[in-house]
Protein backbone atom coordinates (compact mmCIF):
# COMPACT_ATOMS: atom_id res chain seq x y z
CA MET A 1 -3.62 26.17 2.88
CA GLU A 2 -0.77 26.85 5.23
CA ILE A 3 2.47 24.94 4.78
CA CYS A 4 4.36 23.93 7.91
CA ARG A 5 6.01 27.10 9.26
CA ALA A 6 7.56 25.79 12.46
CA GLY A 7 10.47 23.85 11.02
CA PRO A 8 10.84 20.43 9.46
CA ASN A 9 10.27 18.50 12.67
CA ALA A 10 7.10 20.26 13.72
CA PRO A 11 4.26 17.78 14.33
CA ARG A 12 1.49 17.72 11.81
CA LYS A 13 -2.15 17.46 12.71
CA VAL A 14 -3.66 14.25 11.37
CA PRO A 15 -7.41 14.55 10.70
CA ASN A 16 -9.52 12.46 13.05
CA ASP A 17 -11.41 10.85 10.17
CA THR A 18 -8.45 9.18 8.44
CA GLN A 19 -9.34 5.75 9.79
CA ASP A 20 -12.33 5.57 7.42
CA THR A 21 -10.69 6.86 4.25
CA ALA A 22 -11.33 3.81 2.08
CA ARG A 23 -12.38 0.23 2.01
CA MET A 24 -9.14 -0.45 0.15
CA ILE A 25 -5.82 1.30 -0.24
CA ILE A 26 -4.77 0.78 -3.87
CA ASP A 27 -1.22 1.72 -4.82
CA ILE A 28 -1.22 2.15 -8.60
CA HIS A 29 2.54 2.41 -9.06
CA GLY A 30 4.82 -0.40 -7.93
CA HIS A 31 7.78 -1.94 -9.74
CA TYR A 32 9.36 -5.36 -9.42
CA THR A 33 12.76 -4.21 -8.18
CA THR A 34 13.57 -7.29 -6.10
CA GLU A 35 13.84 -9.77 -8.96
CA PRO A 36 15.68 -13.09 -8.59
CA GLN A 37 19.25 -13.09 -9.85
CA ALA A 38 18.27 -15.50 -12.60
CA LEU A 39 16.44 -12.71 -14.41
CA HIS A 40 19.49 -10.43 -14.34
CA ASP A 41 21.72 -13.26 -15.50
CA PHE A 42 19.42 -13.92 -18.44
CA ARG A 43 19.43 -10.24 -19.40
CA LYS A 44 23.23 -10.13 -19.41
CA ARG A 45 23.39 -13.18 -21.65
CA GLN A 46 20.69 -11.79 -23.88
CA LEU A 47 22.43 -8.46 -24.46
CA ALA A 48 25.75 -10.25 -24.97
CA GLY A 49 24.13 -12.33 -27.70
CA ASN A 50 24.66 -15.56 -25.81
CA SER A 51 21.11 -16.46 -24.90
CA SER A 52 19.01 -19.18 -26.38
CA PRO A 53 15.22 -18.81 -26.20
CA PRO A 54 14.42 -18.60 -22.48
CA ALA A 55 12.76 -21.38 -20.57
CA PRO A 56 9.19 -20.43 -19.67
CA ASP A 57 10.08 -19.96 -16.01
CA LEU A 58 13.82 -19.07 -16.30
CA GLY A 59 14.30 -21.79 -13.72
CA ILE A 60 12.65 -19.56 -11.10
CA SER A 61 10.32 -21.45 -8.77
CA ASP A 62 7.09 -20.15 -7.29
CA ASP A 63 8.71 -20.18 -3.88
CA GLU A 64 11.54 -17.97 -5.17
CA LEU A 65 9.00 -15.52 -6.54
CA ARG A 66 7.12 -15.39 -3.24
CA THR A 67 10.38 -14.83 -1.37
CA SER A 68 11.45 -12.10 -3.78
CA VAL A 69 8.40 -9.95 -3.00
CA GLU A 70 8.52 -10.38 0.78
CA PRO A 71 9.85 -6.79 1.16
CA GLN A 72 6.81 -5.44 -0.68
CA LEU A 73 4.41 -7.63 1.30
CA ARG A 74 5.98 -6.53 4.58
CA LEU A 75 5.72 -2.84 3.67
CA GLN A 76 2.14 -3.24 2.47
CA LYS A 77 1.28 -4.59 5.91
CA GLU A 78 3.33 -2.07 7.86
CA ARG A 79 2.09 0.96 5.92
CA GLY A 80 -1.50 -0.11 5.56
CA SER A 81 -1.94 -0.59 1.83
CA ASP A 82 -3.88 -3.48 0.35
CA LEU A 83 -3.05 -3.95 -3.31
CA THR A 84 -0.35 -2.72 -5.68
CA ILE A 85 -0.54 -2.43 -9.45
CA PHE A 86 2.76 -4.14 -10.14
CA SER A 87 4.92 -3.81 -13.24
CA PRO A 88 8.47 -4.67 -14.29
CA ARG A 89 11.35 -2.50 -13.11
CA ALA A 90 11.04 0.78 -15.03
CA SER A 91 14.75 1.36 -15.51
CA GLY A 92 15.11 -2.26 -16.57
CA MET A 93 12.82 -1.81 -19.59
CA ALA A 94 15.79 -0.14 -21.34
CA HIS A 95 14.12 0.01 -24.72
CA HIS A 96 17.25 1.51 -26.28
CA LEU A 97 19.34 -1.62 -25.68
CA GLY A 98 19.66 -4.43 -28.16
CA THR A 99 17.49 -5.04 -31.21
CA GLU A 100 13.73 -4.83 -31.48
CA ALA A 101 13.57 -8.64 -31.39
CA ILE A 102 15.58 -8.68 -28.16
CA GLY A 103 13.18 -6.12 -26.69
CA ILE A 104 10.16 -8.22 -27.60
CA GLU A 105 11.66 -11.27 -25.92
CA TRP A 106 12.69 -9.23 -22.86
CA SER A 107 9.21 -7.75 -22.46
CA ARG A 108 7.59 -11.18 -22.63
CA VAL A 109 9.97 -12.58 -20.01
CA CYS A 110 9.40 -9.66 -17.63
CA ASN A 111 5.64 -9.61 -18.15
CA ASP A 112 5.42 -13.35 -17.56
CA LEU A 113 7.09 -12.95 -14.16
CA ILE A 114 4.62 -10.22 -13.19
CA HIS A 115 1.79 -12.51 -14.25
CA ARG A 116 3.10 -15.33 -12.11
CA ILE A 117 3.41 -13.07 -9.06
CA SER A 118 -0.07 -11.60 -9.48
CA THR A 119 -1.44 -15.14 -9.89
CA LEU A 120 0.35 -16.40 -6.79
CA LEU A 121 -0.66 -13.35 -4.72
CA PRO A 122 -3.83 -11.92 -6.30
CA GLY A 123 -4.86 -10.17 -3.10
CA ASN A 124 -1.64 -8.14 -3.10
CA PHE A 125 -0.77 -7.52 -6.73
CA ALA A 126 -2.46 -6.77 -10.05
CA GLY A 127 -0.31 -6.85 -13.14
CA ALA A 128 0.70 -4.03 -15.44
CA GLY A 129 3.09 -4.65 -18.30
CA GLN A 130 5.95 -3.21 -20.24
CA LEU A 131 5.63 -2.68 -23.97
CA PRO A 132 8.37 -3.89 -26.35
CA GLN A 133 9.10 -0.42 -27.69
CA HIS A 134 12.26 0.28 -29.68
CA PRO A 135 13.81 3.49 -31.01
CA GLY A 136 12.64 4.08 -34.55
CA ALA A 137 10.16 1.20 -34.54
CA PRO A 138 6.49 2.11 -34.99
CA PRO A 139 4.52 1.85 -31.74
CA LYS A 140 2.00 -0.40 -33.49
CA ASN A 141 4.61 -3.16 -33.29
CA CYS A 142 3.78 -3.35 -29.57
CA ILE A 143 0.17 -4.33 -30.18
CA PRO A 144 0.65 -8.13 -30.11
CA GLU A 145 2.29 -7.99 -26.68
CA LEU A 146 -0.30 -5.47 -25.46
CA GLU A 147 -3.09 -7.83 -26.47
CA ARG A 148 -1.33 -10.79 -24.88
CA MET A 149 -0.72 -9.07 -21.55
CA VAL A 150 -4.33 -7.92 -21.26
CA THR A 151 -6.32 -10.79 -22.76
CA GLU A 152 -4.09 -13.71 -21.71
CA LEU A 153 -2.22 -12.45 -18.64
CA GLY A 154 -5.09 -10.40 -17.21
CA PHE A 155 -3.12 -7.18 -16.80
CA VAL A 156 -5.00 -4.03 -15.87
CA GLY A 157 -2.61 -1.43 -17.29
CA VAL A 158 0.61 -0.82 -19.19
CA ASN A 159 3.65 1.42 -18.99
CA LEU A 160 4.21 3.51 -22.11
CA ASN A 161 7.63 5.06 -22.72
CA PRO A 162 7.41 8.44 -24.49
CA ASP A 163 11.18 8.27 -25.18
CA PRO A 164 12.40 4.78 -26.02
CA SER A 165 15.74 6.30 -27.12
CA GLY A 166 16.76 6.59 -23.46
CA GLY A 167 17.10 10.33 -22.99
CA TYR A 168 17.66 11.64 -26.50
CA TRP A 169 14.00 12.06 -27.56
CA THR A 170 14.50 10.93 -31.15
CA GLY A 171 10.91 9.81 -31.70
CA PRO A 172 7.71 11.71 -32.42
CA PRO A 173 5.68 13.35 -29.65
CA LEU A 174 2.81 11.50 -28.03
CA THR A 175 0.31 13.40 -30.14
CA ASP A 176 1.80 12.20 -33.44
CA PRO A 177 -0.39 9.89 -35.58
CA ASP A 178 2.41 7.31 -35.45
CA TRP A 179 1.07 6.42 -31.99
CA TYR A 180 -2.56 6.17 -33.08
CA PRO A 181 -2.77 2.41 -33.77
CA LEU A 182 -1.49 1.73 -30.26
CA TYR A 183 -3.98 4.19 -28.78
CA GLU A 184 -6.80 2.55 -30.69
CA LYS A 185 -5.90 -0.78 -29.12
CA LEU A 186 -5.63 0.74 -25.63
CA CYS A 187 -9.14 2.14 -26.04
CA GLU A 188 -10.46 -1.13 -27.42
CA LEU A 189 -9.02 -3.04 -24.47
CA ASP A 190 -10.09 -0.28 -22.03
CA VAL A 191 -6.76 -0.09 -20.25
CA PRO A 192 -4.90 3.07 -19.21
CA ALA A 193 -1.24 3.71 -19.90
CA MET A 194 1.16 5.13 -17.35
CA ILE A 195 3.57 7.47 -19.13
CA HIS A 196 6.88 6.15 -17.79
CA VAL A 197 10.34 6.43 -19.27
CA SER A 198 13.13 3.98 -18.56
CA SER A 199 16.86 4.35 -17.96
CA SER A 200 18.80 7.23 -19.46
CA CYS A 201 21.83 6.74 -21.68
CA ASN A 202 22.27 10.52 -21.92
CA PRO A 203 24.88 11.53 -19.31
CA ASN A 204 23.17 14.89 -18.86
CA PHE A 205 20.12 13.27 -17.28
CA HIS A 206 20.20 11.14 -14.16
CA PHE A 207 17.45 8.59 -14.71
CA THR A 208 15.31 8.93 -11.58
CA GLY A 209 16.32 12.46 -10.59
CA ALA A 210 16.08 14.16 -13.98
CA HIS A 211 14.98 11.93 -16.87
CA TYR A 212 11.82 10.68 -15.13
CA ILE A 213 10.73 14.13 -14.01
CA ASN A 214 11.65 15.69 -17.36
CA ALA A 215 9.58 13.08 -19.16
CA ASP A 216 6.53 13.57 -16.95
CA THR A 217 6.63 17.31 -17.61
CA THR A 218 7.38 16.89 -21.32
CA ALA A 219 4.52 14.43 -21.81
CA PHE A 220 2.06 16.86 -20.25
CA MET A 221 3.27 19.70 -22.46
CA GLN A 222 3.02 17.53 -25.58
CA LEU A 223 -0.56 16.70 -24.68
CA LEU A 224 -1.33 20.37 -24.01
CA GLN A 225 0.00 21.39 -27.43
CA GLY A 226 -2.08 18.82 -29.27
CA ASP A 227 -5.70 17.77 -29.48
CA LEU A 228 -5.20 14.05 -28.92
CA PHE A 229 -8.31 13.50 -26.84
CA LYS A 230 -10.58 14.85 -29.55
CA ASP A 231 -9.51 11.80 -31.53
CA PHE A 232 -9.40 9.46 -28.52
CA PRO A 233 -11.93 10.66 -25.92
CA LYS A 234 -11.69 7.36 -24.01
CA LEU A 235 -7.89 7.23 -23.85
CA ARG A 236 -6.52 7.52 -20.31
CA PHE A 237 -2.98 8.44 -19.29
CA VAL A 238 -1.48 8.47 -15.80
CA ILE A 239 1.49 10.78 -15.39
CA PRO A 240 3.57 9.49 -12.47
CA HIS A 241 5.78 11.15 -9.87
CA GLY A 242 3.13 13.75 -9.15
CA GLY A 243 3.21 14.97 -12.74
CA GLY A 244 6.84 16.09 -12.68
CA ALA A 245 7.01 19.88 -12.57
CA VAL A 246 3.45 20.35 -13.79
CA PRO A 247 1.59 21.08 -10.52
CA PHE A 248 4.27 23.53 -9.38
CA HIS A 249 3.97 25.42 -12.68
CA TRP A 250 0.22 25.05 -13.18
CA GLY A 251 -0.15 28.76 -13.86
CA ARG A 252 2.44 28.55 -16.62
CA TYR A 253 0.54 25.75 -18.34
CA ARG A 254 -2.79 27.50 -17.95
CA GLY A 255 -1.24 30.58 -19.51
CA LEU A 256 0.37 28.64 -22.36
CA ALA A 257 -2.91 26.92 -23.13
CA GLN A 258 -4.61 30.29 -23.23
CA GLU A 259 -1.98 31.71 -25.61
CA MET A 260 -2.36 28.66 -27.86
CA LYS A 261 -6.14 29.18 -27.97
CA LYS A 262 -6.69 25.84 -26.27
CA PRO A 263 -9.64 25.16 -23.98
CA LEU A 264 -9.25 25.43 -20.23
CA LEU A 265 -7.01 22.65 -18.95
CA ALA A 266 -9.92 21.08 -17.08
CA ASP A 267 -11.72 20.62 -20.39
CA HIS A 268 -8.68 20.07 -22.60
CA LEU A 269 -6.82 17.40 -20.59
CA LEU A 270 -8.23 16.52 -17.20
CA GLY A 271 -10.90 14.20 -18.48
CA ASN A 272 -8.11 11.91 -19.69
CA VAL A 273 -4.93 12.73 -17.74
CA PHE A 274 -4.34 11.71 -14.14
CA PHE A 275 -1.50 12.15 -11.65
CA ASP A 276 -0.12 9.82 -9.01
CA THR A 277 1.21 10.68 -5.56
CA CYS A 278 4.83 9.52 -5.90
CA VAL A 279 5.99 12.74 -4.25
CA TYR A 280 8.19 12.15 -1.25
CA HIS A 281 7.46 14.98 1.15
CA LEU A 282 4.34 16.43 2.71
CA PRO A 283 4.53 19.95 1.20
CA GLY A 284 4.69 18.38 -2.26
CA ILE A 285 1.57 16.31 -1.62
CA GLU A 286 -0.17 19.38 -0.19
CA LEU A 287 0.65 21.32 -3.33
CA LEU A 288 -0.58 18.48 -5.54
CA ALA A 289 -3.85 18.31 -3.63
CA LYS A 290 -4.34 22.06 -3.79
CA VAL A 291 -3.60 22.46 -7.51
CA ILE A 292 -4.87 19.27 -9.15
CA PRO A 293 -8.55 18.30 -8.81
CA VAL A 294 -9.00 15.42 -6.41
CA ASP A 295 -10.72 13.37 -9.10
CA ASN A 296 -7.41 13.33 -11.00
CA ILE A 297 -5.15 12.14 -8.15
CA LEU A 298 -4.40 8.45 -7.62
CA PHE A 299 -2.51 7.07 -4.66
CA ALA A 300 0.91 5.60 -5.42
CA SER A 301 4.23 5.16 -3.65
CA GLU A 302 6.48 3.44 -6.26
CA MET A 303 7.45 1.00 -3.50
CA LEU A 304 10.14 -0.15 -3.88
CA GLY A 305 11.44 2.47 -6.22
CA ALA A 306 13.65 5.49 -6.63
CA VAL A 307 13.92 6.63 -3.02
CA LYS A 308 14.12 3.96 -0.34
CA GLY A 309 15.86 5.77 2.52
CA ILE A 310 14.63 7.32 5.75
CA ASP A 311 14.07 11.06 5.87
CA PRO A 312 16.14 12.42 8.80
CA GLU A 313 13.64 15.25 9.23
CA THR A 314 10.70 12.92 9.88
CA ALA A 315 12.35 9.58 10.82
CA HIS A 316 10.03 7.90 8.29
CA HIS A 317 10.76 6.46 4.88
CA TYR A 318 10.51 8.99 2.08
CA ASP A 319 8.24 6.68 0.07
CA ASP A 320 5.73 6.11 2.89
CA VAL A 321 3.35 8.31 0.93
CA LYS A 322 0.13 7.23 2.63
CA ARG A 323 1.21 9.17 5.72
CA TYR A 324 1.41 12.37 3.69
CA VAL A 325 -2.00 11.96 2.11
CA GLU A 326 -3.52 11.34 5.53
CA GLN A 327 -1.96 14.55 6.86
CA VAL A 328 -3.33 16.89 4.20
CA GLU A 329 -5.88 18.82 6.22
CA MET A 330 -7.82 20.20 3.25
CA LEU A 331 -8.82 16.68 2.11
CA SER A 332 -12.15 15.36 3.34
CA VAL A 333 -12.99 11.72 4.02
CA ALA A 334 -14.60 11.57 0.59
CA ASP A 335 -11.52 13.11 -1.03
CA ARG A 336 -9.17 10.60 0.51
CA ARG A 337 -11.51 7.78 -0.44
CA LYS A 338 -11.21 8.90 -4.05
CA ILE A 339 -7.42 9.15 -3.91
CA PHE A 340 -6.92 5.83 -2.13
CA GLU A 341 -9.47 3.71 -3.95
CA THR A 342 -12.28 4.91 -6.16
CA ASN A 343 -10.22 6.96 -8.62
CA ALA A 344 -8.06 3.91 -9.27
CA ARG A 345 -11.10 1.73 -9.86
CA ARG A 346 -12.49 4.29 -12.29
CA VAL A 347 -9.25 4.81 -14.24
CA TYR A 348 -8.40 1.08 -14.23
CA PRO A 349 -11.77 -0.56 -15.01
CA ARG A 350 -10.23 -4.01 -15.43
CA LEU A 351 -8.93 -3.72 -11.88
CA ASP A 352 -12.39 -2.71 -10.71
CA ALA A 353 -13.86 -5.75 -12.43
CA LYS A 354 -11.36 -8.05 -10.72
CA LEU A 355 -12.06 -6.55 -7.31
CA THR A 356 -15.82 -6.65 -7.83
CA ALA A 357 -15.69 -10.29 -8.88
CA ARG A 358 -13.51 -11.18 -5.91
CA ALA A 359 -15.84 -9.42 -3.47
CA SER A 360 -18.82 -11.21 -4.99
CA ALA A 361 -17.05 -14.55 -4.67
CA ASP A 362 -16.16 -13.82 -1.04
CA ARG A 363 -19.78 -13.01 -0.26
CA GLY A 364 -20.81 -16.26 -1.90
CA HIS A 365 -18.68 -18.14 0.57
């Protein structure tokens, strides 16, 4: 594969078959970053210790919720995506703030708003939730909210923070048995977890520029060192942001696995670990597609997320990731179909069930 050699503004050839890449374009990684002010006001009161139990709707009307996601709806239409797996603001999870009880209440409030949005706009959003993790608290304490968000709210996935301490990594690695009760419930409910940290309280690590990417890479290495999927062969993790540094250093990880007497990475991890496409330039997406098997790549843009500006080299938004995937010449129609749709439906079976039921209902009409 040849990377662009003629300078940053050189035109890229777009394959002629991109118009038939998928029946749907599913973005598996979107965050609610346009929340009404009432949510932020509640959080301030909560952390200040001045909040009473929240009203079920925080005083936020359905019309306010619809208005709040108009930027996402507009960009879905402009960029040609159909449905986003939508979760609370990642940096807003802030598991290290407050008490465990405050975190439980905060998770319920945030998850309830996601549920309302996905109910109001089911053709545009499917819910994924935040877990009420807390530094030092056993992950099993999250199980009641996990069950609620899946069985009552109809969520199709969750975000799992490998470092609820906010950048200090005080807890056990993902392969530690302390996590096992939570993994058992994830397998029972048949929902995947996106490995996603939150804000950083460590001044050494900028949250989106360092902490997120560090965590993606660290999570992969923890999984490589262990044998988690021998115990949980049906457990599925999505590592966001293209897998952090992992694809760029794939040879390093292959070599480390070999030195540790682990199986080949394809056998050791890739039946259970998947990567999204939140990589904001074409050469990065090309590298991802060349290194990681196409069956392990899921389309995502994080819209609206860490990088919202316009790239002066392309005159397009950095996070308009669909354009990059369409320009990767080595990908066939079938490959792009997997990345845009069928991989997501396979990794998120509850999403597939929703979409199948909806299609059946539409045919019935």
